[in-house]
C-alpha atoms as a PDB file:
ATOM      1  CA  UNK A   1      17.120 -35.224  59.961  1.00  0.00           C
ATOM      2  CA  UNK A   2      14.767 -38.164  59.526  1.00  0.00           C
ATOM      3  CA  UNK A   3      12.101 -38.214  56.835  1.00  0.00           C
ATOM      4  CA  UNK A   4       8.773 -38.974  58.564  1.00  0.00           C
ATOM      5  CA  UNK A   5       7.403 -40.682  55.431  1.00  0.00           C
ATOM      6  CA  UNK A   6      10.022 -43.422  55.207  1.00  0.00           C
ATOM      7  CA  UNK A   7      11.931 -43.133  58.496  1.00  0.00           C
ATOM      8  CA  UNK A   8      15.198 -42.725  56.590  1.00  0.00           C
ATOM      9  CA  UNK A   9      17.872 -40.277  57.655  1.00  0.00           C
ATOM     10  CA  UNK A  10      18.564 -37.614  55.023  1.00  0.00           C
ATOM     11  CA  UNK A  11      22.215 -38.664  54.945  1.00  0.00           C
ATOM     12  CA  UNK A  12      21.127 -42.179  53.880  1.00  0.00           C
ATOM     13  CA  UNK A  13      18.683 -41.083  51.183  1.00  0.00           C
ATOM     14  CA  UNK A  14      19.486 -42.742  47.836  1.00  0.00           C
ATOM     15  CA  UNK A  15      19.771 -40.920  44.569  1.00  0.00           C
ATOM     16  CA  UNK A  16      16.822 -40.967  42.170  1.00  0.00           C
ATOM     17  CA  UNK A  17      16.878 -42.565  38.724  1.00  0.00           C
ATOM     18  CA  UNK A  18      17.009 -39.048  37.254  1.00  0.00           C
ATOM     19  CA  UNK A  19      19.988 -38.292  39.497  1.00  0.00           C
ATOM     20  CA  UNK A  20      21.868 -41.310  38.163  1.00  0.00           C
ATOM     21  CA  UNK A  21      21.120 -40.246  34.586  1.00  0.00           C
ATOM     22  CA  UNK A  22      22.260 -36.676  35.230  1.00  0.00           C
ATOM     23  CA  UNK A  23      25.419 -37.746  37.078  1.00  0.00           C
ATOM     24  CA  UNK A  24      26.381 -39.928  34.112  1.00  0.00           C
ATOM     25  CA  UNK A  25      25.822 -36.979  31.743  1.00  0.00           C
ATOM     26  CA  UNK A  26      28.073 -34.804  33.899  1.00  0.00           C
ATOM     27  CA  UNK A  27      30.649 -37.587  34.109  1.00  0.00           C
ATOM     28  CA  UNK A  28      31.112 -37.413  30.354  1.00  0.00           C
ATOM     29  CA  UNK A  29      31.759 -33.651  30.626  1.00  0.00           C
ATOM     30  CA  UNK A  30      34.118 -34.045  33.586  1.00  0.00           C
ATOM     31  CA  UNK A  31      36.110 -36.700  31.683  1.00  0.00           C
ATOM     32  CA  UNK A  32      37.243 -34.048  29.174  1.00  0.00           C
ATOM     33  CA  UNK A  33      39.167 -32.253  31.959  1.00  0.00           C
ATOM     34  CA  UNK A  34      39.394 -34.771  34.795  1.00  0.00           C
ATOM     35  CA  UNK A  35      40.147 -33.677  38.352  1.00  0.00           C
ATOM     36  CA  UNK A  36      43.142 -34.919  40.281  1.00  0.00           C
ATOM     37  CA  UNK A  37      41.207 -34.582  43.549  1.00  0.00           C
ATOM     38  CA  UNK A  38      37.551 -35.096  44.377  1.00  0.00           C
ATOM     39  CA  UNK A  39      36.130 -33.716  47.614  1.00  0.00           C
ATOM     40  CA  UNK A  40      32.873 -35.519  48.312  1.00  0.00           C
ATOM     41  CA  UNK A  41      30.194 -35.377  50.968  1.00  0.00           C
ATOM     42  CA  UNK A  42      29.796 -38.725  52.754  1.00  0.00           C
ATOM     43  CA  UNK A  43      26.011 -38.740  52.153  1.00  0.00           C
ATOM     44  CA  UNK A  44      24.736 -41.747  50.221  1.00  0.00           C
ATOM     45  CA  UNK A  45      23.450 -39.752  47.247  1.00  0.00           C
ATOM     46  CA  UNK A  46      26.751 -37.900  46.743  1.00  0.00           C
ATOM     47  CA  UNK A  47      28.685 -41.173  46.942  1.00  0.00           C
ATOM     48  CA  UNK A  48      26.302 -42.616  44.335  1.00  0.00           C
ATOM     49  CA  UNK A  49      26.859 -39.523  42.174  1.00  0.00           C
ATOM     50  CA  UNK A  50      30.565 -40.107  42.431  1.00  0.00           C
ATOM     51  CA  UNK A  51      30.256 -43.745  41.296  1.00  0.00           C
ATOM     52  CA  UNK A  52      28.361 -42.606  38.175  1.00  0.00           C
ATOM     53  CA  UNK A  53      30.967 -39.919  37.416  1.00  0.00           C
ATOM     54  CA  UNK A  54      33.971 -42.201  37.999  1.00  0.00           C
ATOM     55  CA  UNK A  55      32.734 -44.619  35.317  1.00  0.00           C
ATOM     56  CA  UNK A  56      33.680 -41.958  32.741  1.00  0.00           C
ATOM     57  CA  UNK A  57      37.195 -41.251  34.015  1.00  0.00           C
ATOM     58  CA  UNK A  58      40.143 -43.222  32.633  1.00  0.00           C
ATOM     59  CA  UNK A  59      42.046 -42.991  35.904  1.00  0.00           C
ATOM     60  CA  UNK A  60      40.364 -42.498  39.261  1.00  0.00           C
ATOM     61  CA  UNK A  61      41.612 -39.392  41.035  1.00  0.00           C
ATOM     62  CA  UNK A  62      42.293 -39.177  44.750  1.00  0.00           C
ATOM     63  CA  UNK A  63      38.974 -39.018  46.637  1.00  0.00           C
ATOM     64  CA  UNK A  64      38.515 -37.454  50.066  1.00  0.00           C
ATOM     65  CA  UNK A  65      35.190 -37.708  51.902  1.00  0.00           C
ATOM     66  CA  UNK A  66      34.693 -34.566  53.979  1.00  0.00           C
ATOM     67  CA  UNK A  67      32.021 -34.478  56.693  1.00  0.00           C
ATOM     68  CA  UNK A  68      31.873 -30.668  56.473  1.00  0.00           C
ATOM     69  CA  UNK A  69      30.438 -30.995  52.958  1.00  0.00           C
ATOM     70  CA  UNK A  70      27.372 -32.594  54.489  1.00  0.00           C
ATOM     71  CA  UNK A  71      27.196 -30.928  57.864  1.00  0.00           C
ATOM     72  CA  UNK A  72      28.061 -27.422  57.466  1.00  0.00           C
ATOM     73  CA  UNK A  73      28.274 -23.969  56.324  1.00  0.00           C
ATOM     74  CA  UNK A  74      26.594 -21.728  53.887  1.00  0.00           C
ATOM     75  CA  UNK A  75      29.363 -22.345  51.368  1.00  0.00           C
ATOM     76  CA  UNK A  76      32.347 -24.624  50.909  1.00  0.00           C
ATOM     77  CA  UNK A  77      35.229 -22.173  50.422  1.00  0.00           C
ATOM     78  CA  UNK A  78      36.898 -23.182  53.692  1.00  0.00           C
ATOM     79  CA  UNK A  79      36.614 -26.887  52.875  1.00  0.00           C
ATOM     80  CA  UNK A  80      38.286 -26.364  49.504  1.00  0.00           C
ATOM     81  CA  UNK A  81      41.010 -24.180  51.031  1.00  0.00           C
ATOM     82  CA  UNK A  82      41.730 -26.719  53.768  1.00  0.00           C
ATOM     83  CA  UNK A  83      41.455 -29.894  51.679  1.00  0.00           C
ATOM     84  CA  UNK A  84      42.650 -28.862  48.202  1.00  0.00           C
ATOM     85  CA  UNK A  85      46.293 -29.606  48.947  1.00  0.00           C
ATOM     86  CA  UNK A  86      48.511 -29.740  45.873  1.00  0.00           C
ATOM     87  CA  UNK A  87      45.689 -30.638  43.467  1.00  0.00           C
ATOM     88  CA  UNK A  88      45.533 -28.723  40.224  1.00  0.00           C
ATOM     89  CA  UNK A  89      41.878 -29.549  39.494  1.00  0.00           C
ATOM     90  CA  UNK A  90      39.388 -30.157  42.273  1.00  0.00           C
ATOM     91  CA  UNK A  91      35.885 -31.532  41.796  1.00  0.00           C
ATOM     92  CA  UNK A  92      33.529 -30.886  44.681  1.00  0.00           C
ATOM     93  CA  UNK A  93      30.474 -33.138  45.109  1.00  0.00           C
ATOM     94  CA  UNK A  94      28.228 -31.570  47.720  1.00  0.00           C
ATOM     95  CA  UNK A  95      24.730 -30.294  48.357  1.00  0.00           C
ATOM     96  CA  UNK A  96      22.625 -27.320  47.384  1.00  0.00           C
ATOM     97  CA  UNK A  97      22.212 -24.565  48.331  1.00  0.00           C
ATOM     98  CA  UNK A  98      25.843 -24.591  49.558  1.00  0.00           C
ATOM     99  CA  UNK A  99      27.274 -25.662  46.164  1.00  0.00           C
ATOM    100  CA  UNK A 100      25.429 -22.818  44.444  1.00  0.00           C
ATOM    101  CA  UNK A 101      26.499 -20.294  47.083  1.00  0.00           C
ATOM    102  CA  UNK A 102      30.099 -21.466  46.761  1.00  0.00           C
ATOM    103  CA  UNK A 103      30.114 -21.037  42.982  1.00  0.00           C
ATOM    104  CA  UNK A 104      28.585 -17.575  43.317  1.00  0.00           C
ATOM    105  CA  UNK A 105      30.974 -16.463  46.053  1.00  0.00           C
ATOM    106  CA  UNK A 106      34.098 -17.673  44.259  1.00  0.00           C
ATOM    107  CA  UNK A 107      33.284 -16.223  40.852  1.00  0.00           C
ATOM    108  CA  UNK A 108      34.388 -12.666  40.196  1.00  0.00           C
ATOM    109  CA  UNK A 109      35.031 -12.723  36.458  1.00  0.00           C
ATOM    110  CA  UNK A 110      33.798 -14.450  33.353  1.00  0.00           C
ATOM    111  CA  UNK A 111      31.270 -14.137  30.579  1.00  0.00           C
ATOM    112  CA  UNK A 112      28.317 -11.981  31.653  1.00  0.00           C
ATOM    113  CA  UNK A 113      25.728 -14.364  30.176  1.00  0.00           C
ATOM    114  CA  UNK A 114      27.283 -17.342  32.002  1.00  0.00           C
ATOM    115  CA  UNK A 115      27.405 -15.381  35.230  1.00  0.00           C
ATOM    116  CA  UNK A 116      23.725 -14.420  34.833  1.00  0.00           C
ATOM    117  CA  UNK A 117      22.881 -18.092  34.254  1.00  0.00           C
ATOM    118  CA  UNK A 118      24.856 -19.018  37.406  1.00  0.00           C
ATOM    119  CA  UNK A 119      22.851 -16.437  39.354  1.00  0.00           C
ATOM    120  CA  UNK A 120      19.621 -18.196  38.408  1.00  0.00           C
ATOM    121  CA  UNK A 121      18.654 -21.772  39.116  1.00  0.00           C
ATOM    122  CA  UNK A 122      21.511 -24.162  39.933  1.00  0.00           C
ATOM    123  CA  UNK A 123      19.865 -27.558  39.516  1.00  0.00           C
ATOM    124  CA  UNK A 124      21.007 -30.838  40.987  1.00  0.00           C
ATOM    125  CA  UNK A 125      23.998 -32.213  39.019  1.00  0.00           C
ATOM    126  CA  UNK A 126      24.915 -28.796  37.578  1.00  0.00           C
ATOM    127  CA  UNK A 127      28.632 -28.257  37.019  1.00  0.00           C
ATOM    128  CA  UNK A 128      30.318 -24.868  37.311  1.00  0.00           C
ATOM    129  CA  UNK A 129      33.900 -24.772  36.020  1.00  0.00           C
ATOM    130  CA  UNK A 130      35.852 -21.999  37.707  1.00  0.00           C
ATOM    131  CA  UNK A 131      39.537 -21.155  37.120  1.00  0.00           C
ATOM    132  CA  UNK A 132      41.766 -19.530  39.719  1.00  0.00           C
ATOM    133  CA  UNK A 133      45.142 -17.782  39.421  1.00  0.00           C
ATOM    134  CA  UNK A 134      46.440 -19.176  42.681  1.00  0.00           C
ATOM    135  CA  UNK A 135      49.176 -21.676  43.441  1.00  0.00           C
ATOM    136  CA  UNK A 136      47.801 -22.783  46.790  1.00  0.00           C
ATOM    137  CA  UNK A 137      44.174 -23.539  47.691  1.00  0.00           C
ATOM    138  CA  UNK A 138      44.649 -21.808  51.047  1.00  0.00           C
ATOM    139  CA  UNK A 139      44.755 -18.542  49.045  1.00  0.00           C
ATOM    140  CA  UNK A 140      41.197 -19.090  47.796  1.00  0.00           C
ATOM    141  CA  UNK A 141      39.210 -15.894  48.331  1.00  0.00           C
ATOM    142  CA  UNK A 142      35.780 -14.540  47.542  1.00  0.00           C
ATOM    143  CA  UNK A 143      35.506 -13.427  43.918  1.00  0.00           C
ATOM    144  CA  UNK A 144      38.940 -14.772  42.920  1.00  0.00           C
ATOM    145  CA  UNK A 145      37.698 -17.145  40.228  1.00  0.00           C
ATOM    146  CA  UNK A 146      36.735 -16.851  36.590  1.00  0.00           C
ATOM    147  CA  UNK A 147      33.626 -18.745  35.504  1.00  0.00           C
ATOM    148  CA  UNK A 148      34.661 -20.720  32.427  1.00  0.00           C
ATOM    149  CA  UNK A 149      31.569 -22.854  31.899  1.00  0.00           C
ATOM    150  CA  UNK A 150      28.269 -23.849  33.436  1.00  0.00           C
ATOM    151  CA  UNK A 151      26.730 -27.162  32.444  1.00  0.00           C
ATOM    152  CA  UNK A 152      23.271 -28.222  33.524  1.00  0.00           C
ATOM    153  CA  UNK A 153      21.671 -31.595  32.786  1.00  0.00           C
ATOM    154  CA  UNK A 154      19.213 -30.019  30.341  1.00  0.00           C
ATOM    155  CA  UNK A 155      22.166 -28.511  28.410  1.00  0.00           C
ATOM    156  CA  UNK A 156      23.298 -32.087  27.768  1.00  0.00           C
ATOM    157  CA  UNK A 157      19.978 -33.455  26.569  1.00  0.00           C
ATOM    158  CA  UNK A 158      18.098 -34.142  29.806  1.00  0.00           C
ATOM    159  CA  UNK A 159      14.450 -33.238  29.438  1.00  0.00           C
ATOM    160  CA  UNK A 160      14.311 -31.270  32.676  1.00  0.00           C
ATOM    161  CA  UNK A 161      16.455 -30.308  35.647  1.00  0.00           C
ATOM    162  CA  UNK A 162      15.967 -31.419  39.206  1.00  0.00           C
ATOM    163  CA  UNK A 163      15.615 -28.604  41.689  1.00  0.00           C
END
């Protein structure tokens, strides 16, 4: 899609200054339990998010850019199942509402208050940490995860969340 105001394709839209700030905040959280695989949409703003996050990681994990994270689907379960490989921890950098739908569809257990918070607004740069008792990402199923944490930019000192 092309934005009629600036003639720029959505895929090429840059991240805002607030987005850079929020991605850096999340990078500091992600650094405490770094992923060994990052699945990232090839859109410019997700690649920029990734650059901000990677600055906080001691060792860069393997990164795979997946067109399906930009182009498709109502959630990303199939992308994770197909691309997760042997990774123990996967970080997905995608787009709402699909990221939010994915977190909701994968979570079947966890703290009730966290789950209620997940059911509400899932702002840009939010991070849902979900644990699974599976040995192979191809076994990923609806409701199989436990929501361990939900971090939003405002939880880390940002004045407000992006939508």
